[in-house]
Amino acid sequence: MGTLSGWILIDKNKGVSSRKIVNFISNQICSRKVGHAGTLDPLASGLLCVAIGQATKTISIIQNMKKYTNLV
């Protein structure tokens, strides 16, 4: 198998830390190059953006993008 690279969007449940999710994904794909854009409090639920492989180099770009809340 080739090197994995890209983004995974996780619907994070309450009670689970962002770091725990990143560690789980890292262990499952046997890769140390896994990170997330933004941190969700363990007591919060919501979308967690996880980068794998070369995509980790774009985390800062994603974090610095303007956030839109009222697109519709």
PDB file of N, CA and C in Angstrom:
ATOM      1  N   MET A   1       0.848  -1.176   0.000  1.00  0.00           N
ATOM      2  CA  MET A   1       0.000   0.000   0.000  1.00  0.00           C
ATOM      3  C   MET A   1       0.889   1.234   0.000  1.00  0.00           C
ATOM      4  N   GLY A   2       0.474   2.297  -0.702  1.00  0.00           N
ATOM      5  CA  GLY A   2       1.226   3.542  -0.744  1.00  0.00           C
ATOM      6  C   GLY A   2       1.024   4.342   0.532  1.00  0.00           C
ATOM      7  N   THR A   3       1.675   5.469   0.587  1.00  0.00           N
ATOM      8  CA  THR A   3       1.558   6.346   1.745  1.00  0.00           C
ATOM      9  C   THR A   3       0.203   7.048   1.733  1.00  0.00           C
ATOM     10  N   LEU A   4      -0.501   7.000   2.852  1.00  0.00           N
ATOM     11  CA  LEU A   4      -1.793   7.662   2.966  1.00  0.00           C
ATOM     12  C   LEU A   4      -1.596   9.149   3.193  1.00  0.00           C
ATOM     13  N   SER A   5      -2.448   9.946   2.576  1.00  0.00           N
ATOM     14  CA  SER A   5      -2.404  11.389   2.753  1.00  0.00           C
ATOM     15  C   SER A   5      -3.782  11.952   2.464  1.00  0.00           C
ATOM     16  N   GLY A   6      -4.247  12.853   3.325  1.00  0.00           N
ATOM     17  CA  GLY A   6      -5.542  13.477   3.104  1.00  0.00           C
ATOM     18  C   GLY A   6      -6.184  13.903   4.404  1.00  0.00           C
ATOM     19  N   TRP A   7      -7.456  14.230   4.311  1.00  0.00           N
ATOM     20  CA  TRP A   7      -8.224  14.710   5.452  1.00  0.00           C
ATOM     21  C   TRP A   7      -9.359  13.746   5.765  1.00  0.00           C
ATOM     22  N   ILE A   8      -9.623  13.551   7.045  1.00  0.00           N
ATOM     23  CA  ILE A   8     -10.777  12.785   7.520  1.00  0.00           C
ATOM     24  C   ILE A   8     -11.591  13.718   8.405  1.00  0.00           C
ATOM     25  N   LEU A   9     -12.894  13.770   8.182  1.00  0.00           N
ATOM     26  CA  LEU A   9     -13.776  14.587   9.010  1.00  0.00           C
ATOM     27  C   LEU A   9     -14.509  13.666   9.978  1.00  0.00           C
ATOM     28  N   ILE A  10     -14.310  13.914  11.263  1.00  0.00           N
ATOM     29  CA  ILE A  10     -14.857  13.054  12.316  1.00  0.00           C
ATOM     30  C   ILE A  10     -15.973  13.792  13.052  1.00  0.00           C
ATOM     31  N   ASP A  11     -17.117  13.139  13.211  1.00  0.00           N
ATOM     32  CA  ASP A  11     -18.201  13.670  14.035  1.00  0.00           C
ATOM     33  C   ASP A  11     -17.903  13.237  15.473  1.00  0.00           C
ATOM     34  N   LYS A  12     -17.218  14.114  16.224  1.00  0.00           N
ATOM     35  CA  LYS A  12     -16.744  13.771  17.564  1.00  0.00           C
ATOM     36  C   LYS A  12     -17.871  13.841  18.582  1.00  0.00           C
ATOM     37  N   ASN A  13     -17.973  12.796  19.376  1.00  0.00           N
ATOM     38  CA  ASN A  13     -18.964  12.741  20.448  1.00  0.00           C
ATOM     39  C   ASN A  13     -18.418  13.377  21.719  1.00  0.00           C
ATOM     40  N   LYS A  14     -19.323  13.755  22.604  1.00  0.00           N
ATOM     41  CA  LYS A  14     -18.924  14.254  23.919  1.00  0.00           C
ATOM     42  C   LYS A  14     -18.197  13.146  24.677  1.00  0.00           C
ATOM     43  N   GLY A  15     -17.232  13.537  25.504  1.00  0.00           N
ATOM     44  CA  GLY A  15     -16.539  12.570  26.348  1.00  0.00           C
ATOM     45  C   GLY A  15     -15.269  12.010  25.735  1.00  0.00           C
ATOM     46  N   VAL A  16     -14.979  12.354  24.491  1.00  0.00           N
ATOM     47  CA  VAL A  16     -13.768  11.858  23.822  1.00  0.00           C
ATOM     48  C   VAL A  16     -12.895  13.064  23.477  1.00  0.00           C
ATOM     49  N   SER A  17     -11.601  12.984  23.791  1.00  0.00           N
ATOM     50  CA  SER A  17     -10.705  14.105  23.478  1.00  0.00           C
ATOM     51  C   SER A  17     -10.239  14.035  22.027  1.00  0.00           C
ATOM     52  N   SER A  18      -9.872  15.190  21.487  1.00  0.00           N
ATOM     53  CA  SER A  18      -9.338  15.268  20.123  1.00  0.00           C
ATOM     54  C   SER A  18      -8.070  14.426  20.021  1.00  0.00           C
ATOM     55  N   ARG A  19      -7.224  14.493  21.027  1.00  0.00           N
ATOM     56  CA  ARG A  19      -5.956  13.750  21.037  1.00  0.00           C
ATOM     57  C   ARG A  19      -6.211  12.245  20.999  1.00  0.00           C
ATOM     58  N   LYS A  20      -7.227  11.776  21.708  1.00  0.00           N
ATOM     59  CA  LYS A  20      -7.548  10.343  21.720  1.00  0.00           C
ATOM     60  C   LYS A  20      -7.943   9.874  20.320  1.00  0.00           C
ATOM     61  N   ILE A  21      -8.696  10.691  19.600  1.00  0.00           N
ATOM     62  CA  ILE A  21      -9.094  10.342  18.236  1.00  0.00           C
ATOM     63  C   ILE A  21      -7.876  10.294  17.321  1.00  0.00           C
ATOM     64  N   VAL A  22      -6.997  11.307  17.421  1.00  0.00           N
ATOM     65  CA  VAL A  22      -5.785  11.337  16.604  1.00  0.00           C
ATOM     66  C   VAL A  22      -4.915  10.112  16.905  1.00  0.00           C
ATOM     67  N   ASN A  23      -4.756   9.777  18.170  1.00  0.00           N
ATOM     68  CA  ASN A  23      -3.959   8.601  18.536  1.00  0.00           C
ATOM     69  C   ASN A  23      -4.569   7.318  17.976  1.00  0.00           C
ATOM     70  N   PHE A  24      -5.884   7.205  18.033  1.00  0.00           N
ATOM     71  CA  PHE A  24      -6.561   6.016  17.506  1.00  0.00           C
ATOM     72  C   PHE A  24      -6.311   5.871  16.008  1.00  0.00           C
ATOM     73  N   ILE A  25      -6.496   6.974  15.265  1.00  0.00           N
ATOM     74  CA  ILE A  25      -6.279   6.927  13.816  1.00  0.00           C
ATOM     75  C   ILE A  25      -4.828   6.595  13.506  1.00  0.00           C
ATOM     76  N   SER A  26      -3.907   7.228  14.220  1.00  0.00           N
ATOM     77  CA  SER A  26      -2.479   6.984  14.028  1.00  0.00           C
ATOM     78  C   SER A  26      -2.138   5.509  14.223  1.00  0.00           C
ATOM     79  N   ASN A  27      -2.691   4.909  15.265  1.00  0.00           N
ATOM     80  CA  ASN A  27      -2.447   3.482  15.535  1.00  0.00           C
ATOM     81  C   ASN A  27      -3.066   2.583  14.472  1.00  0.00           C
ATOM     82  N   GLN A  28      -4.247   2.949  13.992  1.00  0.00           N
ATOM     83  CA  GLN A  28      -4.936   2.120  13.003  1.00  0.00           C
ATOM     84  C   GLN A  28      -4.212   2.093  11.660  1.00  0.00           C
ATOM     85  N   ILE A  29      -3.619   3.233  11.279  1.00  0.00           N
ATOM     86  CA  ILE A  29      -2.959   3.285   9.972  1.00  0.00           C
ATOM     87  C   ILE A  29      -1.442   3.168  10.082  1.00  0.00           C
ATOM     88  N   CYS A  30      -0.953   2.962  11.305  1.00  0.00           N
ATOM     89  CA  CYS A  30       0.492   2.805  11.555  1.00  0.00           C
ATOM     90  C   CYS A  30       1.288   3.993  11.008  1.00  0.00           C
ATOM     91  N   SER A  31       0.845   5.194  11.346  1.00  0.00           N
ATOM     92  CA  SER A  31       1.516   6.404  10.888  1.00  0.00           C
ATOM     93  C   SER A  31       1.645   7.382  12.043  1.00  0.00           C
ATOM     94  N   ARG A  32       2.796   8.043  12.105  1.00  0.00           N
ATOM     95  CA  ARG A  32       2.999   9.064  13.129  1.00  0.00           C
ATOM     96  C   ARG A  32       2.600  10.444  12.618  1.00  0.00           C
ATOM     97  N   LYS A  33       2.360  10.573  11.320  1.00  0.00           N
ATOM     98  CA  LYS A  33       2.001  11.865  10.737  1.00  0.00           C
ATOM     99  C   LYS A  33       0.482  12.015  10.691  1.00  0.00           C
ATOM    100  N   VAL A  34      -0.088  12.288  11.857  1.00  0.00           N
ATOM    101  CA  VAL A  34      -1.526  12.509  11.981  1.00  0.00           C
ATOM    102  C   VAL A  34      -1.711  13.690  12.930  1.00  0.00           C
ATOM    103  N   GLY A  35      -2.540  14.644  12.543  1.00  0.00           N
ATOM    104  CA  GLY A  35      -2.803  15.801  13.389  1.00  0.00           C
ATOM    105  C   GLY A  35      -4.200  16.328  13.144  1.00  0.00           C
ATOM    106  N   HIS A  36      -4.605  17.304  13.946  1.00  0.00           N
ATOM    107  CA  HIS A  36      -5.951  17.850  13.785  1.00  0.00           C
ATOM    108  C   HIS A  36      -5.922  19.363  13.718  1.00  0.00           C
ATOM    109  N   ALA A  37      -6.916  19.921  13.055  1.00  0.00           N
ATOM    110  CA  ALA A  37      -7.056  21.367  12.913  1.00  0.00           C
ATOM    111  C   ALA A  37      -8.068  21.839  13.938  1.00  0.00           C
ATOM    112  N   GLY A  38      -7.589  22.408  15.009  1.00  0.00           N
ATOM    113  CA  GLY A  38      -8.466  22.862  16.082  1.00  0.00           C
ATOM    114  C   GLY A  38      -8.687  21.775  17.103  1.00  0.00           C
ATOM    115  N   THR A  39      -8.992  22.191  18.292  1.00  0.00           N
ATOM    116  CA  THR A  39      -9.219  21.245  19.383  1.00  0.00           C
ATOM    117  C   THR A  39     -10.636  21.403  19.885  1.00  0.00           C
ATOM    118  N   LEU A  40     -11.318  20.305  20.032  1.00  0.00           N
ATOM    119  CA  LEU A  40     -12.638  20.316  20.648  1.00  0.00           C
ATOM    120  C   LEU A  40     -12.496  19.827  22.083  1.00  0.00           C
ATOM    121  N   ASP A  41     -13.051  20.559  23.003  1.00  0.00           N
ATOM    122  CA  ASP A  41     -13.056  20.180  24.408  1.00  0.00           C
ATOM    123  C   ASP A  41     -13.659  18.776  24.536  1.00  0.00           C
ATOM    124  N   PRO A  42     -13.132  17.957  25.441  1.00  0.00           N
ATOM    125  CA  PRO A  42     -13.707  16.610  25.603  1.00  0.00           C
ATOM    126  C   PRO A  42     -15.207  16.620  25.891  1.00  0.00           C
ATOM    127  N   LEU A  43     -15.710  17.702  26.476  1.00  0.00           N
ATOM    128  CA  LEU A  43     -17.142  17.771  26.784  1.00  0.00           C
ATOM    129  C   LEU A  43     -17.967  18.323  25.623  1.00  0.00           C
ATOM    130  N   ALA A  44     -17.292  18.672  24.520  1.00  0.00           N
ATOM    131  CA  ALA A  44     -17.990  19.221  23.348  1.00  0.00           C
ATOM    132  C   ALA A  44     -18.145  18.159  22.266  1.00  0.00           C
ATOM    133  N   SER A  45     -19.177  18.322  21.457  1.00  0.00           N
ATOM    134  CA  SER A  45     -19.322  17.475  20.281  1.00  0.00           C
ATOM    135  C   SER A  45     -19.212  18.377  19.064  1.00  0.00           C
ATOM    136  N   GLY A  46     -18.861  17.795  17.925  1.00  0.00           N
ATOM    137  CA  GLY A  46     -18.752  18.592  16.710  1.00  0.00           C
ATOM    138  C   GLY A  46     -17.796  17.982  15.721  1.00  0.00           C
ATOM    139  N   LEU A  47     -17.506  18.735  14.665  1.00  0.00           N
ATOM    140  CA  LEU A  47     -16.669  18.260  13.576  1.00  0.00           C
ATOM    141  C   LEU A  47     -15.192  18.439  13.918  1.00  0.00           C
ATOM    142  N   LEU A  48     -14.431  17.359  13.857  1.00  0.00           N
ATOM    143  CA  LEU A  48     -12.990  17.385  14.081  1.00  0.00           C
ATOM    144  C   LEU A  48     -12.315  17.043  12.756  1.00  0.00           C
ATOM    145  N   CYS A  49     -11.480  17.959  12.268  1.00  0.00           N
ATOM    146  CA  CYS A  49     -10.783  17.773  10.996  1.00  0.00           C
ATOM    147  C   CYS A  49      -9.414  17.165  11.274  1.00  0.00           C
ATOM    148  N   VAL A  50      -9.180  15.956  10.767  1.00  0.00           N
ATOM    149  CA  VAL A  50      -7.945  15.221  11.025  1.00  0.00           C
ATOM    150  C   VAL A  50      -7.165  15.082   9.719  1.00  0.00           C
ATOM    151  N   ALA A  51      -5.895  15.479   9.767  1.00  0.00           N
ATOM    152  CA  ALA A  51      -5.015  15.394   8.597  1.00  0.00           C
ATOM    153  C   ALA A  51      -4.070  14.206   8.753  1.00  0.00           C
ATOM    154  N   ILE A  52      -3.784  13.552   7.607  1.00  0.00           N
ATOM    155  CA  ILE A  52      -2.904  12.382   7.584  1.00  0.00           C
ATOM    156  C   ILE A  52      -1.801  12.610   6.560  1.00  0.00           C
ATOM    157  N   GLY A  53      -0.586  12.195   6.903  1.00  0.00           N
ATOM    158  CA  GLY A  53       0.535  12.245   5.970  1.00  0.00           C
ATOM    159  C   GLY A  53       0.879  13.652   5.534  1.00  0.00           C
ATOM    160  N   GLN A  54       1.074  13.841   4.224  1.00  0.00           N
ATOM    161  CA  GLN A  54       1.460  15.142   3.682  1.00  0.00           C
ATOM    162  C   GLN A  54       0.409  16.223   3.960  1.00  0.00           C
ATOM    163  N   ALA A  55      -0.828  15.836   4.177  1.00  0.00           N
ATOM    164  CA  ALA A  55      -1.887  16.812   4.471  1.00  0.00           C
ATOM    165  C   ALA A  55      -1.635  17.542   5.785  1.00  0.00           C
ATOM    166  N   THR A  56      -0.832  16.977   6.684  1.00  0.00           N
ATOM    167  CA  THR A  56      -0.537  17.662   7.946  1.00  0.00           C
ATOM    168  C   THR A  56       0.162  18.999   7.702  1.00  0.00           C
ATOM    169  N   LYS A  57       0.806  19.138   6.556  1.00  0.00           N
ATOM    170  CA  LYS A  57       1.477  20.403   6.224  1.00  0.00           C
ATOM    171  C   LYS A  57       0.482  21.525   5.938  1.00  0.00           C
ATOM    172  N   THR A  58      -0.781  21.190   5.723  1.00  0.00           N
ATOM    173  CA  THR A  58      -1.797  22.198   5.414  1.00  0.00           C
ATOM    174  C   THR A  58      -2.656  22.567   6.626  1.00  0.00           C
ATOM    175  N   ILE A  59      -2.371  21.984   7.774  1.00  0.00           N
ATOM    176  CA  ILE A  59      -3.179  22.263   8.972  1.00  0.00           C
ATOM    177  C   ILE A  59      -3.209  23.754   9.276  1.00  0.00           C
ATOM    178  N   SER A  60      -2.069  24.429   9.231  1.00  0.00           N
ATOM    179  CA  SER A  60      -2.040  25.860   9.564  1.00  0.00           C
ATOM    180  C   SER A  60      -2.871  26.679   8.575  1.00  0.00           C
ATOM    181  N   ILE A  61      -2.913  26.273   7.327  1.00  0.00           N
ATOM    182  CA  ILE A  61      -3.729  26.973   6.329  1.00  0.00           C
ATOM    183  C   ILE A  61      -5.205  26.858   6.701  1.00  0.00           C
ATOM    184  N   ILE A  62      -5.636  25.665   7.029  1.00  0.00           N
ATOM    185  CA  ILE A  62      -7.035  25.426   7.401  1.00  0.00           C
ATOM    186  C   ILE A  62      -7.383  26.213   8.661  1.00  0.00           C
ATOM    187  N   GLN A  63      -6.489  26.203   9.658  1.00  0.00           N
ATOM    188  CA  GLN A  63      -6.769  26.892  10.919  1.00  0.00           C
ATOM    189  C   GLN A  63      -6.863  28.407  10.739  1.00  0.00           C
ATOM    190  N   ASN A  64      -6.174  28.954   9.760  1.00  0.00           N
ATOM    191  CA  ASN A  64      -6.167  30.404   9.557  1.00  0.00           C
ATOM    192  C   ASN A  64      -7.247  30.895   8.603  1.00  0.00           C
ATOM    193  N   MET A  65      -8.056  29.982   8.061  1.00  0.00           N
ATOM    194  CA  MET A  65      -9.123  30.389   7.153  1.00  0.00           C
ATOM    195  C   MET A  65     -10.253  31.068   7.926  1.00  0.00           C
ATOM    196  N   LYS A  66     -10.926  31.997   7.237  1.00  0.00           N
ATOM    197  CA  LYS A  66     -12.070  32.669   7.842  1.00  0.00           C
ATOM    198  C   LYS A  66     -13.201  31.661   8.032  1.00  0.00           C
ATOM    199  N   LYS A  67     -13.854  31.733   9.189  1.00  0.00           N
ATOM    200  CA  LYS A  67     -14.957  30.837   9.500  1.00  0.00           C
ATOM    201  C   LYS A  67     -16.277  31.523   9.160  1.00  0.00           C
ATOM    202  N   TYR A  68     -17.107  30.826   8.383  1.00  0.00           N
ATOM    203  CA  TYR A  68     -18.426  31.340   8.026  1.00  0.00           C
ATOM    204  C   TYR A  68     -19.472  30.555   8.774  1.00  0.00           C
ATOM    205  N   THR A  69     -20.396  31.265   9.410  1.00  0.00           N
ATOM    206  CA  THR A  69     -21.438  30.575  10.172  1.00  0.00           C
ATOM    207  C   THR A  69     -22.814  30.706   9.535  1.00  0.00           C
ATOM    208  N   ASN A  70     -23.012  31.709   8.704  1.00  0.00           N
ATOM    209  CA  ASN A  70     -24.337  31.941   8.111  1.00  0.00           C
ATOM    210  C   ASN A  70     -24.249  31.929   6.593  1.00  0.00           C
ATOM    211  N   LEU A  71     -23.992  30.771   6.017  1.00  0.00           N
ATOM    212  CA  LEU A  71     -23.861  30.664   4.571  1.00  0.00           C
ATOM    213  C   LEU A  71     -25.203  30.515   3.877  1.00  0.00           C
ATOM    214  N   VAL A  72     -26.218  30.076   4.598  1.00  0.00           N
ATOM    215  CA  VAL A  72     -27.523  29.847   3.980  1.00  0.00           C
ATOM    216  C   VAL A  72     -28.487  30.913   4.399  1.00  0.00           C
TER     217      VAL A  72
END
